[in-house]
Structures are given as C-alpha cells and as structure tokens.
C-alpha atoms as a PDB file:
ATOM      1  CA  MET A   1     185.064 141.193  61.064  1.00  0.00           C
ATOM      2  CA  ASP A   2     184.306 140.403  64.712  1.00  0.00           C
ATOM      3  CA  GLU A   3     184.779 142.762  67.660  1.00  0.00           C
ATOM      4  CA  GLY A   4     187.901 140.976  68.979  1.00  0.00           C
ATOM      5  CA  ALA A   5     189.674 141.340  65.642  1.00  0.00           C
ATOM      6  CA  LEU A   6     188.800 145.026  65.491  1.00  0.00           C
ATOM      7  CA  ARG A   7     190.229 145.664  68.960  1.00  0.00           C
ATOM      8  CA  THR A   8     193.502 143.860  68.275  1.00  0.00           C
ATOM      9  CA  GLY A   9     193.971 145.027  64.694  1.00  0.00           C
ATOM     10  CA  LEU A  10     194.323 141.423  63.471  1.00  0.00           C
ATOM     11  CA  ARG A  11     192.451 139.748  60.660  1.00  0.00           C
ATOM     12  CA  PRO A  12     189.964 137.001  61.594  1.00  0.00           C
ATOM     13  CA  ARG A  13     192.218 134.293  60.168  1.00  0.00           C
ATOM     14  CA  GLN A  14     195.126 135.564  62.226  1.00  0.00           C
ATOM     15  CA  MET A  15     192.945 135.634  65.336  1.00  0.00           C
ATOM     16  CA  TYR A  16     191.783 132.062  64.785  1.00  0.00           C
ATOM     17  CA  PHE A  17     195.341 130.887  64.155  1.00  0.00           C
ATOM     18  CA  LEU A  18     196.576 132.525  67.382  1.00  0.00           C
ATOM     19  CA  MET A  19     193.686 131.025  69.348  1.00  0.00           C
ATOM     20  CA  PHE A  20     194.461 127.585  67.903  1.00  0.00           C
ATOM     21  CA  LEU A  21     198.154 127.986  68.721  1.00  0.00           C
ATOM     22  CA  MET A  22     197.364 129.102  72.278  1.00  0.00           C
ATOM     23  CA  THR A  23     195.002 126.159  72.758  1.00  0.00           C
ATOM     24  CA  LEU A  24     197.652 123.765  71.440  1.00  0.00           C
ATOM     25  CA  LEU A  25     200.320 125.140  73.796  1.00  0.00           C
ATOM     26  CA  THR A  26     198.088 125.062  76.888  1.00  0.00           C
ATOM     27  CA  LEU A  27     196.631 121.622  76.170  1.00  0.00           C
ATOM     28  CA  PRO A  28     199.398 119.691  78.026  1.00  0.00           C
ATOM     29  CA  ILE A  29     198.835 121.856  81.113  1.00  0.00           C
ATOM     30  CA  VAL A  30     195.069 121.282  81.002  1.00  0.00           C
ATOM     31  CA  VAL A  31     195.595 117.535  80.572  1.00  0.00           C
ATOM     32  CA  GLY A  32     197.971 117.554  83.549  1.00  0.00           C
ATOM     33  CA  TYR A  33     195.398 119.244  85.795  1.00  0.00           C
ATOM     34  CA  LEU A  34     192.721 116.849  84.552  1.00  0.00           C
ATOM     35  CA  TRP A  35     194.924 113.852  85.388  1.00  0.00           C
ATOM     36  CA  ILE A  36     195.531 115.191  88.905  1.00  0.00           C
ATOM     37  CA  PHE A  37     191.780 115.564  89.482  1.00  0.00           C
ATOM     38  CA  ILE A  38     190.947 112.072  88.156  1.00  0.00           C
ATOM     39  CA  SER A  39     193.842 110.442  89.997  1.00  0.00           C
ATOM     40  CA  THR A  40     192.755 111.800  93.382  1.00  0.00           C
ATOM     41  CA  PHE A  41     189.509 109.826  93.166  1.00  0.00           C
ATOM     42  CA  SER A  42     191.005 106.645  91.678  1.00  0.00           C
ATOM     43  CA  ARG A  43     192.931 103.660  92.994  1.00  0.00           C
ATOM     44  CA  ARG A  44     194.933 103.512  89.771  1.00  0.00           C
ATOM     45  CA  THR A  45     194.833 105.201  86.383  1.00  0.00           C
ATOM     46  CA  HIS A  46     195.776 104.253  82.844  1.00  0.00           C
ATOM     47  CA  GLY A  47     196.349 107.667  81.373  1.00  0.00           C
ATOM     48  CA  LEU A  48     193.172 109.618  82.128  1.00  0.00           C
ATOM     49  CA  ILE A  49     191.045 106.490  82.655  1.00  0.00           C
ATOM     50  CA  PRO A  50     190.496 105.236  86.239  1.00  0.00           C
ATOM     51  CA  VAL A  51     190.884 101.474  86.662  1.00  0.00           C
ATOM     52  CA  ASP A  52     190.551  99.019  89.521  1.00  0.00           C
ATOM     53  CA  ILE A  53     193.150  96.506  90.743  1.00  0.00           C
ATOM     54  CA  GLU A  54     192.239  94.076  87.966  1.00  0.00           C
ATOM     55  CA  GLY A  55     192.689  96.770  85.320  1.00  0.00           C
ATOM     56  CA  ARG A  56     189.003  97.162  84.412  1.00  0.00           C
ATOM     57  CA  PRO A  57     188.410 100.702  83.049  1.00  0.00           C
ATOM     58  CA  PHE A  58     186.167 103.294  84.704  1.00  0.00           C
ATOM     59  CA  ARG A  59     186.238 101.392  88.014  1.00  0.00           C
ATOM     60  CA  GLY A  60     188.118 101.708  91.246  1.00  0.00           C
ATOM     61  CA  LEU A  61     186.767 105.157  92.150  1.00  0.00           C
ATOM     62  CA  THR A  62     187.366 105.901  95.829  1.00  0.00           C
ATOM     63  CA  LEU A  63     187.666 108.639  98.460  1.00  0.00           C
ATOM     64  CA  GLU A  64     190.478 106.766 100.183  1.00  0.00           C
ATOM     65  CA  ASN A  65     193.118 109.143  98.813  1.00  0.00           C
ATOM     66  CA  TRP A  66     191.486 112.020 100.717  1.00  0.00           C
ATOM     67  CA  SER A  67     191.573 110.169 104.054  1.00  0.00           C
ATOM     68  CA  PHE A  68     194.493 112.348 105.170  1.00  0.00           C
ATOM     69  CA  LEU A  69     191.957 115.127 105.851  1.00  0.00           C
ATOM     70  CA  TRP A  70     190.427 113.222 108.785  1.00  0.00           C
ATOM     71  CA  GLN A  71     193.069 110.613 109.628  1.00  0.00           C
ATOM     72  CA  ASP A  72     196.206 112.753 109.742  1.00  0.00           C
ATOM     73  CA  PRO A  73     195.861 115.735 112.132  1.00  0.00           C
ATOM     74  CA  ASN A  74     199.282 116.962 111.008  1.00  0.00           C
ATOM     75  CA  ILE A  75     197.797 118.152 107.694  1.00  0.00           C
ATOM     76  CA  TRP A  76     195.911 120.923 109.490  1.00  0.00           C
ATOM     77  CA  LYS A  77     199.038 121.989 111.381  1.00  0.00           C
ATOM     78  CA  VAL A  78     201.032 122.331 108.179  1.00  0.00           C
ATOM     79  CA  THR A  79     198.098 124.100 106.496  1.00  0.00           C
ATOM     80  CA  LEU A  80     198.014 126.628 109.345  1.00  0.00           C
ATOM     81  CA  ASN A  81     201.785 127.068 109.063  1.00  0.00           C
ATOM     82  CA  SER A  82     201.446 127.688 105.311  1.00  0.00           C
ATOM     83  CA  LEU A  83     198.698 130.233 105.959  1.00  0.00           C
ATOM     84  CA  ILE A  84     200.748 132.073 108.594  1.00  0.00           C
ATOM     85  CA  LEU A  85     203.772 132.039 106.272  1.00  0.00           C
ATOM     86  CA  ALA A  86     201.798 133.366 103.304  1.00  0.00           C
ATOM     87  CA  LEU A  87     200.018 136.072 105.334  1.00  0.00           C
ATOM     88  CA  GLY A  88     203.194 137.165 107.152  1.00  0.00           C
ATOM     89  CA  LEU A  89     205.073 137.336 103.870  1.00  0.00           C
ATOM     90  CA  THR A  90     202.271 139.334 102.243  1.00  0.00           C
ATOM     91  CA  VAL A  91     202.031 141.896 105.055  1.00  0.00           C
ATOM     92  CA  GLY A  92     205.792 142.336 105.283  1.00  0.00           C
ATOM     93  CA  VAL A  93     206.448 142.658 101.550  1.00  0.00           C
ATOM     94  CA  VAL A  94     203.487 144.959 100.814  1.00  0.00           C
ATOM     95  CA  LEU A  95     204.143 147.289 103.782  1.00  0.00           C
ATOM     96  CA  ILE A  96     207.888 147.666 103.210  1.00  0.00           C
ATOM     97  CA  SER A  97     207.549 147.838  99.408  1.00  0.00           C
ATOM     98  CA  ALA A  98     204.870 150.544  99.627  1.00  0.00           C
ATOM     99  CA  MET A  99     207.054 152.712 101.867  1.00  0.00           C
ATOM    100  CA  ALA A 100     210.269 152.111  99.923  1.00  0.00           C
ATOM    101  CA  GLY A 101     208.511 152.518  96.574  1.00  0.00           C
ATOM    102  CA  TYR A 102     207.129 155.908  97.637  1.00  0.00           C
ATOM    103  CA  ALA A 103     210.528 157.121  98.829  1.00  0.00           C
ATOM    104  CA  LEU A 104     212.266 156.002  95.635  1.00  0.00           C
ATOM    105  CA  SER A 105     209.563 157.509  93.436  1.00  0.00           C
ATOM    106  CA  ARG A 106     209.059 160.873  95.164  1.00  0.00           C
ATOM    107  CA  ILE A 107     212.255 161.737  97.047  1.00  0.00           C
ATOM    108  CA  ARG A 108     215.543 162.501  95.307  1.00  0.00           C
ATOM    109  CA  PHE A 109     218.368 161.472  97.654  1.00  0.00           C
ATOM    110  CA  PRO A 110     222.035 160.521  97.113  1.00  0.00           C
ATOM    111  CA  GLY A 111     222.500 156.914  96.038  1.00  0.00           C
ATOM    112  CA  ARG A 112     218.893 156.507  94.876  1.00  0.00           C
ATOM    113  CA  LYS A 113     219.701 155.099  91.429  1.00  0.00           C
ATOM    114  CA  GLY A 114     222.463 152.960  92.871  1.00  0.00           C
ATOM    115  CA  PHE A 115     220.001 151.488  95.364  1.00  0.00           C
ATOM    116  CA  LEU A 116     217.525 150.702  92.573  1.00  0.00           C
ATOM    117  CA  ALA A 117     220.251 148.985  90.584  1.00  0.00           C
ATOM    118  CA  LEU A 118     221.324 147.026  93.671  1.00  0.00           C
ATOM    119  CA  THR A 119     217.790 145.725  94.242  1.00  0.00           C
ATOM    120  CA  LEU A 120     217.730 144.401  90.678  1.00  0.00           C
ATOM    121  CA  ILE A 121     221.066 142.659  91.216  1.00  0.00           C
ATOM    122  CA  LEU A 122     219.773 141.072  94.431  1.00  0.00           C
ATOM    123  CA  HIS A 123     216.661 139.873  92.632  1.00  0.00           C
ATOM    124  CA  ALA A 124     218.856 138.248  89.989  1.00  0.00           C
ATOM    125  CA  PHE A 125     220.505 135.986  92.585  1.00  0.00           C
ATOM    126  CA  PRO A 126     218.653 132.657  92.952  1.00  0.00           C
ATOM    127  CA  SER A 127     217.867 131.839  96.571  1.00  0.00           C
ATOM    128  CA  VAL A 128     219.793 128.570  96.404  1.00  0.00           C
ATOM    129  CA  THR A 129     223.102 130.480  96.163  1.00  0.00           C
ATOM    130  CA  LEU A 130     222.414 132.185  99.517  1.00  0.00           C
ATOM    131  CA  LEU A 131     221.281 129.168 101.551  1.00  0.00           C
ATOM    132  CA  ILE A 132     224.527 128.650 103.483  1.00  0.00           C
ATOM    133  CA  SER A 133     225.069 132.312 104.370  1.00  0.00           C
ATOM    134  CA  ILE A 134     221.414 132.697 105.425  1.00  0.00           C
ATOM    135  CA  TYR A 135     221.780 129.597 107.616  1.00  0.00           C
ATOM    136  CA  PHE A 136     224.571 131.220 109.663  1.00  0.00           C
ATOM    137  CA  VAL A 137     222.562 134.452 109.991  1.00  0.00           C
ATOM    138  CA  LEU A 138     219.517 132.568 111.291  1.00  0.00           C
ATOM    139  CA  ARG A 139     221.654 130.563 113.734  1.00  0.00           C
ATOM    140  CA  TRP A 140     222.991 133.867 115.120  1.00  0.00           C
ATOM    141  CA  LEU A 141     219.489 135.364 115.354  1.00  0.00           C
ATOM    142  CA  ALA A 142     218.286 132.271 117.246  1.00  0.00           C
ATOM    143  CA  ARG A 143     220.623 133.201 120.136  1.00  0.00           C
ATOM    144  CA  ILE A 144     218.761 136.454 120.800  1.00  0.00           C
ATOM    145  CA  PRO A 145     216.535 135.990 123.880  1.00  0.00           C
ATOM    146  CA  VAL A 146     212.760 135.897 123.259  1.00  0.00           C
ATOM    147  CA  VAL A 147     213.002 137.320 119.726  1.00  0.00           C
ATOM    148  CA  GLY A 148     215.149 134.487 118.429  1.00  0.00           C
ATOM    149  CA  ARG A 149     213.033 131.722 119.975  1.00  0.00           C
ATOM    150  CA  GLY A 150     209.967 132.486 122.050  1.00  0.00           C
ATOM    151  CA  LEU A 151     207.412 134.411 119.992  1.00  0.00           C
ATOM    152  CA  PRO A 152     203.845 133.069 119.713  1.00  0.00           C
ATOM    153  CA  LEU A 153     202.627 131.574 116.392  1.00  0.00           C
ATOM    154  CA  ILE A 154     205.871 132.177 114.490  1.00  0.00           C
ATOM    155  CA  GLY A 155     208.244 130.823 117.167  1.00  0.00           C
ATOM    156  CA  GLY A 156     210.830 133.584 116.657  1.00  0.00           C
ATOM    157  CA  ILE A 157     213.045 134.895 113.872  1.00  0.00           C
ATOM    158  CA  GLY A 158     215.910 132.421 114.159  1.00  0.00           C
ATOM    159  CA  TYR A 159     216.752 129.029 112.714  1.00  0.00           C
ATOM    160  CA  ASN A 160     214.039 126.343 112.797  1.00  0.00           C
ATOM    161  CA  THR A 161     211.256 128.895 113.344  1.00  0.00           C
ATOM    162  CA  LEU A 162     208.408 129.999 111.116  1.00  0.00           C
ATOM    163  CA  GLY A 163     209.333 133.634 111.736  1.00  0.00           C
ATOM    164  CA  GLY A 164     212.861 133.004 110.468  1.00  0.00           C
ATOM    165  CA  VAL A 165     211.470 131.575 107.226  1.00  0.00           C
ATOM    166  CA  ILE A 166     209.142 134.580 106.852  1.00  0.00           C
ATOM    167  CA  LEU A 167     212.080 136.950 107.438  1.00  0.00           C
ATOM    168  CA  VAL A 168     214.178 135.231 104.756  1.00  0.00           C
ATOM    169  CA  MET A 169     211.350 135.146 102.213  1.00  0.00           C
ATOM    170  CA  VAL A 170     210.463 138.808 102.803  1.00  0.00           C
ATOM    171  CA  SER A 171     214.049 139.804 102.064  1.00  0.00           C
ATOM    172  CA  LEU A 172     214.066 137.721  98.867  1.00  0.00           C
ATOM    173  CA  GLN A 173     210.724 139.092  97.633  1.00  0.00           C
ATOM    174  CA  LEU A 174     211.383 142.761  98.441  1.00  0.00           C
ATOM    175  CA  PRO A 175     213.396 143.735  95.315  1.00  0.00           C
ATOM    176  CA  LEU A 176     210.526 142.823  92.988  1.00  0.00           C
ATOM    177  CA  GLY A 177     207.929 144.357  95.314  1.00  0.00           C
ATOM    178  CA  ILE A 178     209.820 147.644  95.597  1.00  0.00           C
ATOM    179  CA  TRP A 179     210.124 148.019  91.832  1.00  0.00           C
ATOM    180  CA  LEU A 180     206.459 147.243  91.304  1.00  0.00           C
ATOM    181  CA  MET A 181     205.308 149.736  93.930  1.00  0.00           C
ATOM    182  CA  LYS A 182     207.647 152.395  92.558  1.00  0.00           C
ATOM    183  CA  GLY A 183     206.065 151.885  89.143  1.00  0.00           C
ATOM    184  CA  PHE A 184     202.576 152.504  90.524  1.00  0.00           C
ATOM    185  CA  PHE A 185     203.683 155.598  92.463  1.00  0.00           C
ATOM    186  CA  ASP A 186     205.365 156.984  89.329  1.00  0.00           C
ATOM    187  CA  GLN A 187     201.980 157.033  87.574  1.00  0.00           C
ATOM    188  CA  ILE A 188     200.359 159.325  90.177  1.00  0.00           C
ATOM    189  CA  PRO A 189     200.578 163.043  89.251  1.00  0.00           C
ATOM    190  CA  TRP A 190     202.287 165.428  91.667  1.00  0.00           C
ATOM    191  CA  ASP A 191     199.487 168.018  91.847  1.00  0.00           C
ATOM    192  CA  VAL A 192     197.427 166.596  94.726  1.00  0.00           C
ATOM    193  CA  GLU A 193     200.527 165.669  96.694  1.00  0.00           C
ATOM    194  CA  ARG A 194     202.059 169.131  96.325  1.00  0.00           C
ATOM    195  CA  ALA A 195     198.816 170.757  97.472  1.00  0.00           C
ATOM    196  CA  ALA A 196     198.720 168.587 100.591  1.00  0.00           C
ATOM    197  CA  LEU A 197     202.381 169.300 101.394  1.00  0.00           C
ATOM    198  CA  ILE A 198     201.815 173.045 100.977  1.00  0.00           C
ATOM    199  CA  ASP A 199     198.866 172.801 103.376  1.00  0.00           C
ATOM    200  CA  GLY A 200     201.182 171.385 106.024  1.00  0.00           C
ATOM    201  CA  ALA A 201     200.594 167.652 105.705  1.00  0.00           C
ATOM    202  CA  SER A 202     203.552 165.422 106.512  1.00  0.00           C
ATOM    203  CA  ARG A 203     205.071 162.996 104.040  1.00  0.00           C
ATOM    204  CA  PHE A 204     203.693 160.061 106.023  1.00  0.00           C
ATOM    205  CA  LEU A 205     200.177 161.533 106.024  1.00  0.00           C
ATOM    206  CA  VAL A 206     200.339 162.156 102.279  1.00  0.00           C
ATOM    207  CA  TRP A 207     201.546 158.610 101.703  1.00  0.00           C
ATOM    208  CA  ARG A 208     198.894 157.023 103.903  1.00  0.00           C
ATOM    209  CA  LYS A 209     195.789 159.062 103.098  1.00  0.00           C
ATOM    210  CA  ILE A 210     196.339 160.391  99.573  1.00  0.00           C
ATOM    211  CA  LEU A 211     198.638 158.091  97.622  1.00  0.00           C
ATOM    212  CA  LEU A 212     197.847 154.635  98.994  1.00  0.00           C
ATOM    213  CA  PRO A 213     194.124 154.839  98.102  1.00  0.00           C
ATOM    214  CA  GLN A 214     195.125 155.649  94.519  1.00  0.00           C
ATOM    215  CA  ILE A 215     197.244 152.516  94.090  1.00  0.00           C
ATOM    216  CA  LYS A 216     194.786 150.001  95.550  1.00  0.00           C
ATOM    217  CA  PRO A 217     194.925 147.810  92.403  1.00  0.00           C
ATOM    218  CA  GLY A 218     198.698 147.651  92.726  1.00  0.00           C
ATOM    219  CA  ILE A 219     198.546 146.781  96.424  1.00  0.00           C
ATOM    220  CA  ALA A 220     195.917 144.111  95.765  1.00  0.00           C
ATOM    221  CA  ALA A 221     197.906 142.634  92.878  1.00  0.00           C
ATOM    222  CA  LEU A 222     201.176 142.549  94.823  1.00  0.00           C
ATOM    223  CA  SER A 223     199.365 141.028  97.818  1.00  0.00           C
ATOM    224  CA  ILE A 224     197.941 138.220  95.710  1.00  0.00           C
ATOM    225  CA  PHE A 225     201.241 137.613  93.933  1.00  0.00           C
ATOM    226  CA  THR A 226     203.139 137.453  97.245  1.00  0.00           C
ATOM    227  CA  PHE A 227     200.540 135.288  98.997  1.00  0.00           C
ATOM    228  CA  ILE A 228     200.707 132.691  96.233  1.00  0.00           C
ATOM    229  CA  ALA A 229     204.518 132.720  96.357  1.00  0.00           C
ATOM    230  CA  GLY A 230     204.460 132.135 100.128  1.00  0.00           C
ATOM    231  CA  TRP A 231     201.778 129.456  99.950  1.00  0.00           C
ATOM    232  CA  ASN A 232     203.704 127.422  97.352  1.00  0.00           C
ATOM    233  CA  GLU A 233     207.232 127.933  98.691  1.00  0.00           C
ATOM    234  CA  PHE A 234     209.207 124.737  99.270  1.00  0.00           C
ATOM    235  CA  LEU A 235     212.969 125.349  99.299  1.00  0.00           C
ATOM    236  CA  ILE A 236     213.224 127.881 102.161  1.00  0.00           C
ATOM    237  CA  PRO A 237     210.877 126.076 104.619  1.00  0.00           C
ATOM    238  CA  TYR A 238     212.445 122.722 103.756  1.00  0.00           C
ATOM    239  CA  THR A 239     215.949 124.091 104.419  1.00  0.00           C
ATOM    240  CA  TYR A 240     215.394 126.116 107.593  1.00  0.00           C
ATOM    241  CA  MET A 241     212.655 124.185 109.445  1.00  0.00           C
ATOM    242  CA  THR A 242     213.665 120.692 110.515  1.00  0.00           C
ATOM    243  CA  GLN A 243     210.713 119.661 112.705  1.00  0.00           C
ATOM    244  CA  GLN A 244     207.716 118.115 110.974  1.00  0.00           C
ATOM    245  CA  GLU A 245     205.118 120.008 113.030  1.00  0.00           C
ATOM    246  CA  LYS A 246     206.667 123.274 111.826  1.00  0.00           C
ATOM    247  CA  SER A 247     206.640 122.318 108.142  1.00  0.00           C
ATOM    248  CA  THR A 248     204.361 123.615 105.383  1.00  0.00           C
ATOM    249  CA  ILE A 249     202.133 121.859 102.860  1.00  0.00           C
ATOM    250  CA  ALA A 250     204.886 121.834 100.226  1.00  0.00           C
ATOM    251  CA  THR A 251     207.315 120.046 102.555  1.00  0.00           C
ATOM    252  CA  TYR A 252     204.496 117.749 103.712  1.00  0.00           C
ATOM    253  CA  ILE A 253     204.003 116.593 100.116  1.00  0.00           C
ATOM    254  CA  ASN A 254     207.732 115.940  99.833  1.00  0.00           C
ATOM    255  CA  SER A 255     207.559 113.722 102.940  1.00  0.00           C
ATOM    256  CA  LEU A 256     205.079 111.463 101.113  1.00  0.00           C
ATOM    257  CA  LEU A 257     207.732 110.620  98.524  1.00  0.00           C
ATOM    258  CA  SER A 258     210.223 107.939  99.472  1.00  0.00           C
ATOM    259  CA  GLU A 259     213.100 106.255  97.678  1.00  0.00           C
ATOM    260  CA  THR A 260     212.751 102.996  99.636  1.00  0.00           C
ATOM    261  CA  ALA A 261     208.997 102.538 100.253  1.00  0.00           C
ATOM    262  CA  PRO A 262     206.221 102.349  97.632  1.00  0.00           C
ATOM    263  CA  VAL A 263     204.667 105.740  96.873  1.00  0.00           C
ATOM    264  CA  ASN A 264     200.907 106.191  96.645  1.00  0.00           C
ATOM    265  CA  TYR A 265     200.899 108.739  93.831  1.00  0.00           C
ATOM    266  CA  SER A 266     197.119 109.063  93.973  1.00  0.00           C
ATOM    267  CA  GLN A 267     197.416 110.289  97.567  1.00  0.00           C
ATOM    268  CA  VAL A 268     200.265 112.604  96.569  1.00  0.00           C
ATOM    269  CA  ALA A 269     197.995 114.006  93.836  1.00  0.00           C
ATOM    270  CA  ALA A 270     195.173 114.477  96.379  1.00  0.00           C
ATOM    271  CA  VAL A 271     197.415 116.452  98.742  1.00  0.00           C
ATOM    272  CA  GLY A 272     198.728 118.439  95.764  1.00  0.00           C
ATOM    273  CA  LEU A 273     195.194 119.288  94.700  1.00  0.00           C
ATOM    274  CA  PHE A 274     194.384 120.257  98.299  1.00  0.00           C
ATOM    275  CA  GLN A 275     197.319 122.672  98.194  1.00  0.00           C
ATOM    276  CA  LEU A 276     196.370 123.906  94.729  1.00  0.00           C
ATOM    277  CA  LEU A 277     192.742 124.807  95.510  1.00  0.00           C
ATOM    278  CA  PRO A 278     193.430 128.192  97.221  1.00  0.00           C
ATOM    279  CA  VAL A 279     195.783 129.163  94.381  1.00  0.00           C
ATOM    280  CA  LEU A 280     193.176 128.299  91.741  1.00  0.00           C
ATOM    281  CA  LEU A 281     190.538 130.322  93.590  1.00  0.00           C
ATOM    282  CA  PHE A 282     192.909 133.298  93.732  1.00  0.00           C
ATOM    283  CA  PHE A 283     193.548 133.117  89.997  1.00  0.00           C
ATOM    284  CA  VAL A 284     189.848 132.766  89.156  1.00  0.00           C
ATOM    285  CA  PHE A 285     188.685 135.754  91.197  1.00  0.00           C
ATOM    286  CA  THR A 286     191.713 138.073  90.910  1.00  0.00           C
ATOM    287  CA  GLN A 287     192.916 137.843  87.302  1.00  0.00           C
ATOM    288  CA  GLU A 288     192.276 141.544  86.723  1.00  0.00           C
ATOM    289  CA  TYR A 289     194.447 142.555  89.691  1.00  0.00           C
ATOM    290  CA  LEU A 290     197.233 140.199  88.653  1.00  0.00           C
ATOM    291  CA  LEU A 291     197.311 141.701  85.160  1.00  0.00           C
ATOM    292  CA  SER A 292     197.474 145.221  86.622  1.00  0.00           C
ATOM    293  CA  ILE A 293     200.878 144.344  88.133  1.00  0.00           C
ATOM    294  CA  PHE A 294     202.495 144.496  84.722  1.00  0.00           C
ATOM    295  CA  SER A 295     200.758 147.689  83.638  1.00  0.00           C
ATOM    296  CA  GLY A 296     201.866 149.395  86.838  1.00  0.00           C
ATOM    297  CA  GLY A 297     205.347 147.972  87.019  1.00  0.00           C
ATOM    298  CA  MET A 298     206.419 148.745  83.466  1.00  0.00           C
ATOM    299  CA  LYS A 299     205.604 152.438  83.398  1.00  0.00           C
ATOM    300  CA  GLY A 300     207.753 153.436  86.331  1.00  0.00           C
ATOM    301  CA  GLY A 301     210.863 155.366  85.491  1.00  0.00           C
ATOM    302  CA  ALA A 302     214.068 155.708  87.456  1.00  0.00           C
END
C-alpha cells in the first residue's frame, strides 16, 4: 500500500479510481486552456491543430494576434486600471475585514449575531440585483466636490470613476471577507491577548502587534482571493465606467466582440491569455495560502 493511500485511509484501487475520475472531469478544462494557448499563435485552428488559410495542418503560426501589445497603447491603460482596481479592492477588503473580524470574534456587543446573519444575507444577493440602486448612489456621490470627481489615479468615488467601482466591489466582497477573518481570529487562544490587555495594551495595539502576525496565512489567502476577484471582474466596471480609457481588461476583451463585424477569435484568445497569466501565476505560487482560507473560515464559531 502506497503512502498516499495510507494517509487518506483508502485502498489503492479506490485511490486510482478517484484519480482517474478527477482526471476525466478536469480534462475538458485542460483541453480548453490548451486550445487558448494554441489559438493565440495561429491564424486559424481546426480543433487543437493550427492551420493556414488554405487549411493545411500545422501551418499558419504567427505572432500577429499579439500585436495589440505594441500597436494598441490602450491595452496598457486598461491593464493599469485593472491593477489599481485589484490592489485597491485587496487593501480595502483585507483592512476592513481584519478589523471587523476581530471585533466580531473578540467583543460581545448587542446585535453581534444579528450583524453576522445580515452579512450572510447580503452575500447571498447577486450583484446584478443591486445595479440600479448602486447607480443612483454613485450618481449622488459624484456631486460631492473633489471626492466625487477629482482624486488622482482613481478619479473619485462617484459614477464613471475607478474609485466608485472599487467602492462598490469592496462593499460586495466584505461579507465573505469578514466571515473568513472572524474564523481565523476564533482559532487564536485568549491567553496572550488577555496578558497584553492586563499589562495595559489597548485593543488596537493587541490587534495590530499580537493577533495580526498570527493570522498571516489568512491575510495572505484573503488578499490573493480578493486580488483575483478584482482582476477578473467584468460586470461592475462595465456598468459603472462608460469611457474606454477608464475600462479594465475584462471590458476591453468585450469590446473586441461585435455582432456586426467579423471577430478575430485568435486575437480575443491572445488578450484573454494576457489577462489570465497573472491569475495562473498566483495559483501556481500561492496554492497553499488559498487552501488555508477554507481551514480558517470553517472553524470560526458565532
């Protein structure tokens, strides 16, 4: 019996069957990624085989589909916008979730359980049901001098600004982030915290210098999870940013698709792969932190 079977308690035949089943289920996804990669360097494809205009197999390889990197300066603007969106979302969600998670885990106050239940209800609402109401809120925020429209990098926090999109996405991601952070704080024993409080340390000092270093895996995991969500987001930027120079990579890809003009799907695949590369790198190098989200989030009690 091999080591993997001993650790899982399964017989070798059961292990092999599960591995075969997992391979079978993931095969369509792997084939899809392989097609995207081949298509980005091909003029046309027949399945996974690149062909030229005359249909001859294994011909027609080209770098023409990647010409947007040096011919379209707008791609770097939308990439920067996506980066600012993802980083702003990550900082906002992690900071607020860490503070709220600590308060909900360590402080017993009236309405605590009701607040936790409310955050779950808010997380259950799909963002598409709130688009119209959020639109009116952002239009009102845009009327505020300087803050609404006039901040560097993000433009402001109103309608048709990158800051407004960040504000909306932070509010939509907070319920999940708060529950995850509360789960990690629930796992930390009270002993060290009580000793620091008895010695005269404030709650903020205890949170910043004692508890946060102990939940670094949780902070890292939530940061990665939130960054990927912000980098790939399409619906919110597409709805609340109307100018092309303020768009993100996801909305840029959508602009390449047209109902009236022919679509170069090989170029669409190239831009999609360009967007996908940072996400793939995150998954390759941070799988351990991503898995620790679930171990931290599931052990927290109310």
